């Protein structure tokens, strides 16, 4: 199993910034619900922590306090573009150092969290707004495409 020790400090920071970046992309995709969506992101981390032991790499990722510095961006578009860059970088780093199943676990965690964040607040009668759906599609693309459930 791959652990944080396999990565440089910058590489590990990229891996850690991916999930909260995805959450922020979804949170900023549509207006309203930021409080509920932020709680949903926290719950996704808590639930992943509760599954401790299934993946050493994911255990280390969710054990770290999620950090995403959204104050350094001058617009929501810039925040989203940089968040997608973080996700692409994280996957590239993971693909170079982790096992394929660990990369898929990371992708599944990020996408699952993004879906939960999107569904945390109904907008215009929809559980997931079109803007949030588009954000999730962009996140999926940045992660390298759709990920299937493990067999």
C-alpha atoms as a PDB file:
ATOM      1  CA  UNK A   1       0.000   0.000   0.000  1.00  0.00           C
ATOM      2  CA  UNK A   2       1.108   3.529  -0.743  1.00  0.00           C
ATOM      3  CA  UNK A   3       1.496   6.055   2.071  1.00  0.00           C
ATOM      4  CA  UNK A   4       2.325   9.748   2.278  1.00  0.00           C
ATOM      5  CA  UNK A   5       5.987   8.785   2.682  1.00  0.00           C
ATOM      6  CA  UNK A   6       6.083   7.908  -1.032  1.00  0.00           C
ATOM      7  CA  UNK A   7       5.466  11.550  -1.987  1.00  0.00           C
ATOM      8  CA  UNK A   8       7.444  14.763  -1.769  1.00  0.00           C
ATOM      9  CA  UNK A   9       5.923  17.523   0.361  1.00  0.00           C
ATOM     10  CA  UNK A  10       4.620  19.339  -2.737  1.00  0.00           C
ATOM     11  CA  UNK A  11       3.199  16.139  -4.228  1.00  0.00           C
ATOM     12  CA  UNK A  12       1.416  15.248  -0.989  1.00  0.00           C
ATOM     13  CA  UNK A  13       0.018  18.775  -0.731  1.00  0.00           C
ATOM     14  CA  UNK A  14      -1.419  18.374  -4.247  1.00  0.00           C
ATOM     15  CA  UNK A  15      -3.038  15.067  -3.293  1.00  0.00           C
ATOM     16  CA  UNK A  16      -4.533  16.588  -0.130  1.00  0.00           C
ATOM     17  CA  UNK A  17      -5.830  19.704  -1.924  1.00  0.00           C
ATOM     18  CA  UNK A  18      -7.749  17.716  -4.535  1.00  0.00           C
ATOM     19  CA  UNK A  19     -10.840  16.684  -2.537  1.00  0.00           C
ATOM     20  CA  UNK A  20     -11.556  20.038  -0.863  1.00  0.00           C
ATOM     21  CA  UNK A  21     -10.929  21.748  -4.209  1.00  0.00           C
ATOM     22  CA  UNK A  22     -13.637  19.559  -5.755  1.00  0.00           C
ATOM     23  CA  UNK A  23     -15.971  20.470  -2.916  1.00  0.00           C
ATOM     24  CA  UNK A  24     -15.325  24.172  -3.425  1.00  0.00           C
ATOM     25  CA  UNK A  25     -15.930  23.851  -7.166  1.00  0.00           C
ATOM     26  CA  UNK A  26     -19.383  22.407  -6.477  1.00  0.00           C
ATOM     27  CA  UNK A  27     -20.150  24.848  -3.643  1.00  0.00           C
ATOM     28  CA  UNK A  28     -19.383  27.828  -5.875  1.00  0.00           C
ATOM     29  CA  UNK A  29     -21.170  26.423  -8.936  1.00  0.00           C
ATOM     30  CA  UNK A  30     -24.606  27.656  -7.798  1.00  0.00           C
ATOM     31  CA  UNK A  31     -25.843  30.221  -5.323  1.00  0.00           C
ATOM     32  CA  UNK A  32     -27.204  29.254  -1.940  1.00  0.00           C
ATOM     33  CA  UNK A  33     -26.680  26.321   0.360  1.00  0.00           C
ATOM     34  CA  UNK A  34     -23.047  26.999   1.203  1.00  0.00           C
ATOM     35  CA  UNK A  35     -23.527  26.057   4.867  1.00  0.00           C
ATOM     36  CA  UNK A  36     -25.273  22.733   4.081  1.00  0.00           C
ATOM     37  CA  UNK A  37     -22.822  21.954   1.305  1.00  0.00           C
ATOM     38  CA  UNK A  38     -19.839  22.600   3.573  1.00  0.00           C
ATOM     39  CA  UNK A  39     -21.340  20.273   6.185  1.00  0.00           C
ATOM     40  CA  UNK A  40     -21.854  17.628   3.494  1.00  0.00           C
ATOM     41  CA  UNK A  41     -18.168  17.863   2.601  1.00  0.00           C
ATOM     42  CA  UNK A  42     -17.230  17.403   6.260  1.00  0.00           C
ATOM     43  CA  UNK A  43     -19.554  14.404   6.553  1.00  0.00           C
ATOM     44  CA  UNK A  44     -17.956  12.791   3.492  1.00  0.00           C
ATOM     45  CA  UNK A  45     -14.572  13.031   5.214  1.00  0.00           C
ATOM     46  CA  UNK A  46     -16.012  11.690   8.490  1.00  0.00           C
ATOM     47  CA  UNK A  47     -17.616   8.715   6.758  1.00  0.00           C
ATOM     48  CA  UNK A  48     -14.397   7.939   4.917  1.00  0.00           C
ATOM     49  CA  UNK A  49     -12.551   8.071   8.260  1.00  0.00           C
ATOM     50  CA  UNK A  50     -15.078   5.595   9.688  1.00  0.00           C
ATOM     51  CA  UNK A  51     -14.093   3.119   6.944  1.00  0.00           C
ATOM     52  CA  UNK A  52     -10.525   3.205   8.281  1.00  0.00           C
ATOM     53  CA  UNK A  53      -8.347   0.311   7.214  1.00  0.00           C
ATOM     54  CA  UNK A  54      -9.714  -0.317   3.734  1.00  0.00           C
ATOM     55  CA  UNK A  55      -7.098   1.888   2.077  1.00  0.00           C
ATOM     56  CA  UNK A  56      -3.969   3.150   3.807  1.00  0.00           C
ATOM     57  CA  UNK A  57      -3.598   5.962   1.286  1.00  0.00           C
ATOM     58  CA  UNK A  58      -7.194   7.134   1.630  1.00  0.00           C
ATOM     59  CA  UNK A  59      -6.926   6.797   5.430  1.00  0.00           C
ATOM     60  CA  UNK A  60      -4.034   9.276   5.412  1.00  0.00           C
ATOM     61  CA  UNK A  61      -5.831  11.647   3.043  1.00  0.00           C
ATOM     62  CA  UNK A  62      -9.022  11.836   5.102  1.00  0.00           C
ATOM     63  CA  UNK A  63      -7.099  11.982   8.391  1.00  0.00           C
ATOM     64  CA  UNK A  64      -5.594  15.311   7.326  1.00  0.00           C
ATOM     65  CA  UNK A  65      -7.662  18.427   7.895  1.00  0.00           C
ATOM     66  CA  UNK A  66      -9.146  19.452   4.523  1.00  0.00           C
ATOM     67  CA  UNK A  67      -7.569  22.682   3.310  1.00  0.00           C
ATOM     68  CA  UNK A  68      -8.464  24.770   0.313  1.00  0.00           C
ATOM     69  CA  UNK A  69      -7.347  28.368   0.253  1.00  0.00           C
ATOM     70  CA  UNK A  70     -10.212  30.047  -1.554  1.00  0.00           C
ATOM     71  CA  UNK A  71      -9.138  33.537  -0.484  1.00  0.00           C
ATOM     72  CA  UNK A  72      -6.296  33.813  -2.988  1.00  0.00           C
ATOM     73  CA  UNK A  73      -8.549  33.846  -6.040  1.00  0.00           C
ATOM     74  CA  UNK A  74     -10.047  37.001  -7.499  1.00  0.00           C
ATOM     75  CA  UNK A  75     -13.126  35.285  -8.959  1.00  0.00           C
ATOM     76  CA  UNK A  76     -15.186  32.111  -8.692  1.00  0.00           C
ATOM     77  CA  UNK A  77     -14.040  31.155 -12.184  1.00  0.00           C
ATOM     78  CA  UNK A  78     -10.406  31.415 -11.098  1.00  0.00           C
ATOM     79  CA  UNK A  79     -11.139  29.319  -7.981  1.00  0.00           C
ATOM     80  CA  UNK A  80     -12.807  26.662 -10.121  1.00  0.00           C
ATOM     81  CA  UNK A  81     -10.054  26.619 -12.760  1.00  0.00           C
ATOM     82  CA  UNK A  82      -7.361  26.295 -10.099  1.00  0.00           C
ATOM     83  CA  UNK A  83      -9.374  23.600  -8.318  1.00  0.00           C
ATOM     84  CA  UNK A  84      -9.532  21.568 -11.529  1.00  0.00           C
ATOM     85  CA  UNK A  85      -5.783  22.049 -11.949  1.00  0.00           C
ATOM     86  CA  UNK A  86      -5.272  20.701  -8.393  1.00  0.00           C
ATOM     87  CA  UNK A  87      -7.340  17.637  -9.259  1.00  0.00           C
ATOM     88  CA  UNK A  88      -5.432  16.933 -12.485  1.00  0.00           C
ATOM     89  CA  UNK A  89      -2.123  17.385 -10.664  1.00  0.00           C
ATOM     90  CA  UNK A  90      -3.195  15.094  -7.816  1.00  0.00           C
ATOM     91  CA  UNK A  91      -4.204  12.321 -10.216  1.00  0.00           C
ATOM     92  CA  UNK A  92      -0.938  12.651 -12.169  1.00  0.00           C
ATOM     93  CA  UNK A  93       1.046  12.381  -8.930  1.00  0.00           C
ATOM     94  CA  UNK A  94      -0.995   9.413  -7.729  1.00  0.00           C
ATOM     95  CA  UNK A  95      -0.702   7.613 -11.066  1.00  0.00           C
ATOM     96  CA  UNK A  96       3.075   7.937 -10.870  1.00  0.00           C
ATOM     97  CA  UNK A  97       3.398   6.620  -7.295  1.00  0.00           C
ATOM     98  CA  UNK A  98       0.295   4.693  -6.195  1.00  0.00           C
ATOM     99  CA  UNK A  99      -1.346   1.467  -7.291  1.00  0.00           C
ATOM    100  CA  UNK A 100      -4.116   1.722  -9.876  1.00  0.00           C
ATOM    101  CA  UNK A 101      -6.768   0.663  -7.355  1.00  0.00           C
ATOM    102  CA  UNK A 102      -5.609   3.401  -4.960  1.00  0.00           C
ATOM    103  CA  UNK A 103      -5.934   6.004  -7.716  1.00  0.00           C
ATOM    104  CA  UNK A 104      -9.456   4.732  -8.399  1.00  0.00           C
ATOM    105  CA  UNK A 105     -10.303   4.898  -4.669  1.00  0.00           C
ATOM    106  CA  UNK A 106      -9.154   8.521  -4.637  1.00  0.00           C
ATOM    107  CA  UNK A 107     -11.264   9.309  -7.709  1.00  0.00           C
ATOM    108  CA  UNK A 108     -14.321   7.586  -6.193  1.00  0.00           C
ATOM    109  CA  UNK A 109     -13.894   9.491  -2.924  1.00  0.00           C
ATOM    110  CA  UNK A 110     -13.624  12.851  -4.703  1.00  0.00           C
ATOM    111  CA  UNK A 111     -16.627  12.183  -6.959  1.00  0.00           C
ATOM    112  CA  UNK A 112     -18.736  10.803  -4.122  1.00  0.00           C
ATOM    113  CA  UNK A 113     -17.976  13.864  -2.032  1.00  0.00           C
ATOM    114  CA  UNK A 114     -18.787  16.187  -4.951  1.00  0.00           C
ATOM    115  CA  UNK A 115     -22.148  14.442  -5.457  1.00  0.00           C
ATOM    116  CA  UNK A 116     -22.967  14.709  -1.747  1.00  0.00           C
ATOM    117  CA  UNK A 117     -22.080  18.387  -1.697  1.00  0.00           C
ATOM    118  CA  UNK A 118     -24.256  19.033  -4.742  1.00  0.00           C
ATOM    119  CA  UNK A 119     -27.221  17.159  -3.254  1.00  0.00           C
ATOM    120  CA  UNK A 120     -26.980  18.902   0.128  1.00  0.00           C
ATOM    121  CA  UNK A 121     -29.094  21.872  -0.973  1.00  0.00           C
ATOM    122  CA  UNK A 122     -32.096  21.761  -3.302  1.00  0.00           C
ATOM    123  CA  UNK A 123     -32.133  24.513  -5.881  1.00  0.00           C
ATOM    124  CA  UNK A 124     -35.166  25.344  -7.993  1.00  0.00           C
ATOM    125  CA  UNK A 125     -36.799  22.054  -7.003  1.00  0.00           C
ATOM    126  CA  UNK A 126     -33.813  19.981  -8.075  1.00  0.00           C
ATOM    127  CA  UNK A 127     -31.529  18.040  -5.764  1.00  0.00           C
ATOM    128  CA  UNK A 128     -28.601  18.833  -8.061  1.00  0.00           C
ATOM    129  CA  UNK A 129     -28.745  22.011 -10.131  1.00  0.00           C
ATOM    130  CA  UNK A 130     -27.589  22.129 -13.753  1.00  0.00           C
ATOM    131  CA  UNK A 131     -24.607  24.284 -12.705  1.00  0.00           C
ATOM    132  CA  UNK A 132     -23.628  21.729 -10.053  1.00  0.00           C
ATOM    133  CA  UNK A 133     -24.046  18.874 -12.550  1.00  0.00           C
ATOM    134  CA  UNK A 134     -21.752  20.724 -14.961  1.00  0.00           C
ATOM    135  CA  UNK A 135     -19.216  21.245 -12.160  1.00  0.00           C
ATOM    136  CA  UNK A 136     -19.276  17.513 -11.368  1.00  0.00           C
ATOM    137  CA  UNK A 137     -18.743  16.721 -15.051  1.00  0.00           C
ATOM    138  CA  UNK A 138     -15.714  19.043 -15.103  1.00  0.00           C
ATOM    139  CA  UNK A 139     -14.398  17.371 -11.937  1.00  0.00           C
ATOM    140  CA  UNK A 140     -14.906  13.931 -13.510  1.00  0.00           C
ATOM    141  CA  UNK A 141     -12.995  15.047 -16.588  1.00  0.00           C
ATOM    142  CA  UNK A 142     -10.149  16.469 -14.468  1.00  0.00           C
ATOM    143  CA  UNK A 143      -9.943  13.138 -12.623  1.00  0.00           C
ATOM    144  CA  UNK A 144      -9.470  11.324 -15.912  1.00  0.00           C
ATOM    145  CA  UNK A 145     -13.046  10.295 -16.641  1.00  0.00           C
ATOM    146  CA  UNK A 146     -15.737   8.224 -14.945  1.00  0.00           C
ATOM    147  CA  UNK A 147     -14.730   5.657 -12.356  1.00  0.00           C
ATOM    148  CA  UNK A 148     -16.626   2.407 -11.911  1.00  0.00           C
ATOM    149  CA  UNK A 149     -17.404   0.823  -8.575  1.00  0.00           C
ATOM    150  CA  UNK A 150     -14.970  -1.841  -7.368  1.00  0.00           C
ATOM    151  CA  UNK A 151     -15.904  -5.422  -8.129  1.00  0.00           C
END
